[in-house]
Protein backbone atom coordinates (compact mmCIF):
# COMPACT_ATOMS: atom_id res chain seq x y z
CA MET A 1 -45.99 -5.46 4.98
CA LYS A 2 -45.24 -1.72 4.99
CA THR A 3 -41.80 -2.44 6.46
CA ARG A 4 -41.02 -4.92 3.66
CA ILE A 5 -42.15 -2.50 0.94
CA PHE A 6 -40.10 0.30 2.51
CA ALA A 7 -37.02 -1.97 2.71
CA ILE A 8 -37.36 -2.90 -0.97
CA PHE A 9 -37.78 0.76 -1.95
CA VAL A 10 -34.71 1.78 0.07
CA SER A 11 -32.61 -0.98 -1.48
CA ILE A 12 -33.62 -0.05 -5.03
CA ALA A 13 -33.01 3.65 -4.36
CA GLY A 14 -29.63 2.81 -2.86
CA LEU A 15 -28.63 0.65 -5.80
CA CYS A 16 -29.63 3.33 -8.29
CA ALA A 17 -27.79 6.08 -6.40
CA CYS A 18 -24.58 4.08 -6.09
CA SER A 19 -24.31 2.65 -9.60
CA SER A 20 -22.19 5.41 -11.16
CA PRO A 21 -18.48 4.51 -11.29
CA GLN A 22 -15.91 6.34 -9.17
CA THR A 23 -12.36 7.25 -10.11
CA LEU A 24 -9.52 6.39 -7.74
CA GLY A 25 -7.08 8.72 -9.47
CA VAL A 26 -4.17 6.36 -8.72
CA ARG A 27 -2.63 3.71 -10.94
CA PHE A 28 -1.59 0.27 -9.75
CA ASP A 29 2.20 -0.17 -9.80
CA SER A 30 3.10 -3.88 -9.73
CA ARG A 31 6.63 -3.00 -8.58
CA GLU A 32 5.16 -1.86 -5.23
CA ALA A 33 3.64 -5.33 -4.76
CA ALA A 34 6.57 -7.41 -6.06
CA TRP A 35 7.55 -8.50 -2.51
CA PHE A 36 4.16 -10.18 -2.11
CA SER A 37 5.04 -13.06 -4.47
CA ALA A 38 7.94 -14.18 -2.24
CA ARG A 39 7.52 -17.20 0.00
CA GLY A 40 7.74 -16.27 3.65
CA THR A 41 7.47 -17.73 7.14
CA ASN A 42 4.46 -15.79 8.46
CA SER A 43 0.88 -16.96 8.80
CA LEU A 44 -2.42 -15.18 9.26
CA ASN A 45 -5.40 -16.97 10.78
CA GLY A 46 -8.77 -15.81 11.96
CA THR A 47 -12.47 -15.50 11.54
CA ALA A 48 -14.95 -12.94 10.24
CA ILE A 49 -18.21 -12.27 12.06
CA ALA A 50 -21.08 -9.82 11.61
CA ARG A 51 -24.11 -9.43 13.82
CA ALA A 52 -27.52 -9.61 12.18
CA TYR A 53 -30.18 -7.07 13.17
CA THR A 54 -31.84 -9.93 15.08
CA GLY A 55 -28.75 -10.20 17.28
CA ASN A 56 -27.54 -13.51 15.83
CA ALA A 57 -23.88 -13.78 14.82
CA LYS A 58 -23.17 -14.72 11.21
CA THR A 59 -19.77 -15.94 10.02
CA CYS A 60 -17.85 -16.05 6.78
CA ALA A 61 -18.48 -19.82 6.45
CA ALA A 62 -17.86 -20.89 2.83
CA LEU A 63 -17.29 -17.26 1.78
CA PRO A 64 -14.06 -15.72 0.45
CA VAL A 65 -11.37 -13.84 2.34
CA TYR A 66 -8.86 -11.78 0.36
CA LEU A 67 -5.34 -10.67 1.18
CA PHE A 68 -3.83 -7.70 -0.68
CA PRO A 69 -0.36 -6.22 -0.30
CA VAL A 70 -0.46 -2.61 0.89
CA THR A 71 0.36 -0.35 -2.07
CA THR A 72 -0.57 3.21 -2.97
CA TYR A 73 -3.37 1.85 -5.17
CA ALA A 74 -4.64 -0.52 -2.46
CA LYS A 75 -4.69 2.31 0.09
CA ALA A 76 -6.77 4.51 -2.25
CA ARG A 77 -9.17 1.64 -2.92
CA MET A 78 -9.62 0.80 0.78
CA LYS A 79 -10.13 4.47 1.64
CA ALA A 80 -12.85 4.71 -1.04
CA LEU A 81 -14.61 1.51 0.04
CA TYR A 82 -14.20 1.67 3.83
CA GLY A 83 -13.43 5.32 4.60
CA SER A 84 -10.20 4.20 6.25
CA GLU A 85 -6.84 2.59 5.59
CA SER A 86 -6.78 0.75 8.91
CA GLU A 87 -10.15 -1.01 9.29
CA GLY A 88 -13.75 -0.74 8.23
CA PHE A 89 -17.07 -2.25 7.24
CA ASN A 90 -18.80 -1.84 3.88
CA PRO A 91 -22.44 -3.03 4.01
CA ALA A 92 -23.77 -5.28 1.26
CA LEU A 93 -26.95 -3.19 1.13
CA MET A 94 -26.50 0.56 0.59
CA GLY A 95 -22.70 0.31 0.89
CA THR A 96 -20.09 1.68 -1.47
CA PRO A 97 -19.86 -0.60 -4.53
CA ALA A 98 -16.44 -1.55 -5.87
CA ASN A 99 -17.19 0.20 -9.15
CA PHE A 100 -14.07 2.11 -10.21
CA THR A 101 -13.46 3.36 -13.75
CA ASP A 102 -9.71 2.90 -13.36
CA ASP A 103 -9.72 -0.54 -11.68
CA ASP A 104 -6.66 -2.53 -12.74
CA PRO A 105 -6.94 -6.35 -13.17
CA ALA A 106 -3.25 -6.63 -12.19
CA TYR A 107 -4.23 -5.48 -8.67
CA PHE A 108 -6.47 -8.53 -8.25
CA ALA A 109 -3.83 -10.83 -9.75
CA THR A 110 -1.50 -9.94 -6.87
CA SER A 111 -4.01 -10.94 -4.19
CA ARG A 112 -4.41 -14.24 -2.39
CA THR A 113 -7.82 -15.74 -1.70
CA THR A 114 -9.11 -18.46 0.57
CA ASN A 115 -12.56 -19.51 1.74
CA CYS A 116 -13.68 -19.73 5.34
CA ASP A 117 -14.38 -23.21 6.63
CA ALA A 118 -17.75 -24.33 8.06
CA LYS A 119 -16.89 -22.71 11.41
CA GLY A 120 -16.03 -19.37 9.81
CA ARG A 121 -12.22 -19.72 10.07
CA PHE A 122 -9.63 -18.79 7.46
CA SER A 123 -5.88 -19.21 7.12
CA PHE A 124 -3.06 -17.86 4.97
CA SER A 125 0.44 -19.34 5.26
CA GLU A 126 3.96 -18.81 3.89
CA LEU A 127 3.48 -15.04 3.79
CA PRO A 128 6.46 -12.73 3.43
CA ASP A 129 7.13 -9.89 5.89
CA GLY A 130 5.01 -6.87 5.05
CA ASP A 131 1.79 -4.92 5.40
CA TYR A 132 -1.47 -6.37 4.15
CA PHE A 133 -5.13 -5.53 3.71
CA LEU A 134 -7.32 -8.41 4.86
CA VAL A 135 -10.89 -8.34 3.48
CA GLY A 136 -13.54 -10.84 4.55
CA GLU A 137 -17.06 -11.30 3.27
CA VAL A 138 -19.91 -12.00 5.71
CA THR A 139 -23.15 -11.81 3.75
CA TRP A 140 -26.53 -13.52 3.84
CA GLN A 141 -30.06 -12.99 2.51
CA ASP A 142 -32.77 -11.64 4.78
CA ARG A 143 -35.55 -14.22 4.45
CA ARG A 144 -38.42 -11.84 5.14
CA ALA A 145 -37.40 -8.98 2.87
CA GLY A 146 -35.21 -10.98 0.47
CA LEU A 147 -32.45 -8.37 0.74
CA PRO A 148 -28.72 -8.86 1.16
CA GLN A 149 -27.42 -8.35 4.69
CA GLY A 150 -23.96 -8.15 6.22
CA GLY A 151 -21.09 -6.92 4.12
CA TYR A 152 -17.33 -6.75 3.81
CA LEU A 153 -14.90 -6.25 6.68
CA MET A 154 -11.38 -4.90 6.21
CA ARG A 155 -8.35 -4.63 8.47
CA ARG A 156 -4.74 -3.67 7.84
CA VAL A 157 -2.29 -6.21 9.25
CA SER A 158 1.53 -6.24 9.56
CA LEU A 159 3.57 -9.44 9.68
CA SER A 160 7.28 -9.98 10.31
CA THR A 161 9.92 -12.50 11.41
CA GLY A 162 7.99 -15.77 11.31
CA GLU A 163 4.92 -14.37 12.99
CA SER A 164 1.66 -16.29 13.32
CA LYS A 165 -1.09 -13.75 13.86
CA GLU A 166 -4.69 -14.36 14.88
CA VAL A 167 -7.18 -11.78 13.52
CA LEU A 168 -10.85 -11.21 14.23
CA LEU A 169 -12.78 -9.29 11.60
CA ALA A 170 -15.99 -8.25 13.34
CA HIS A 171 -18.89 -5.85 12.93
């Protein structure tokens, strides 16, 4: 019981401490992402997996996976959320919320989204050559404490010349 109360206290404290918006200090320039709307010959396939504290593997089954073109704005956003521009994990509980005062809706309009299938697999096709940020959600509720677990995984991926790349997002 003490563990459950402590977990609830920590989650509330974490939510309160992280609720103030951040500023990225960079504006989204749609011209940097214009190439992303082209139809290409590349594909990106994979799965997203996170390990629960019990040791069980959880997948992205039925959850979204996002693909963003690498731009100056996207790099600043990924650095703020994941501490890196190459790969990272942002926990659902006590992680960095995507709460930016200067968030631009046009950034999200340039992304592509798919959902993982029942086996935790995702696929993007007809992608143009370029650099991408792949972001997968692997979240679940802890039944005992009722708190969100897992989080968001990110990896930077490059595609070119009709490539079909297999990616594992794992934490």
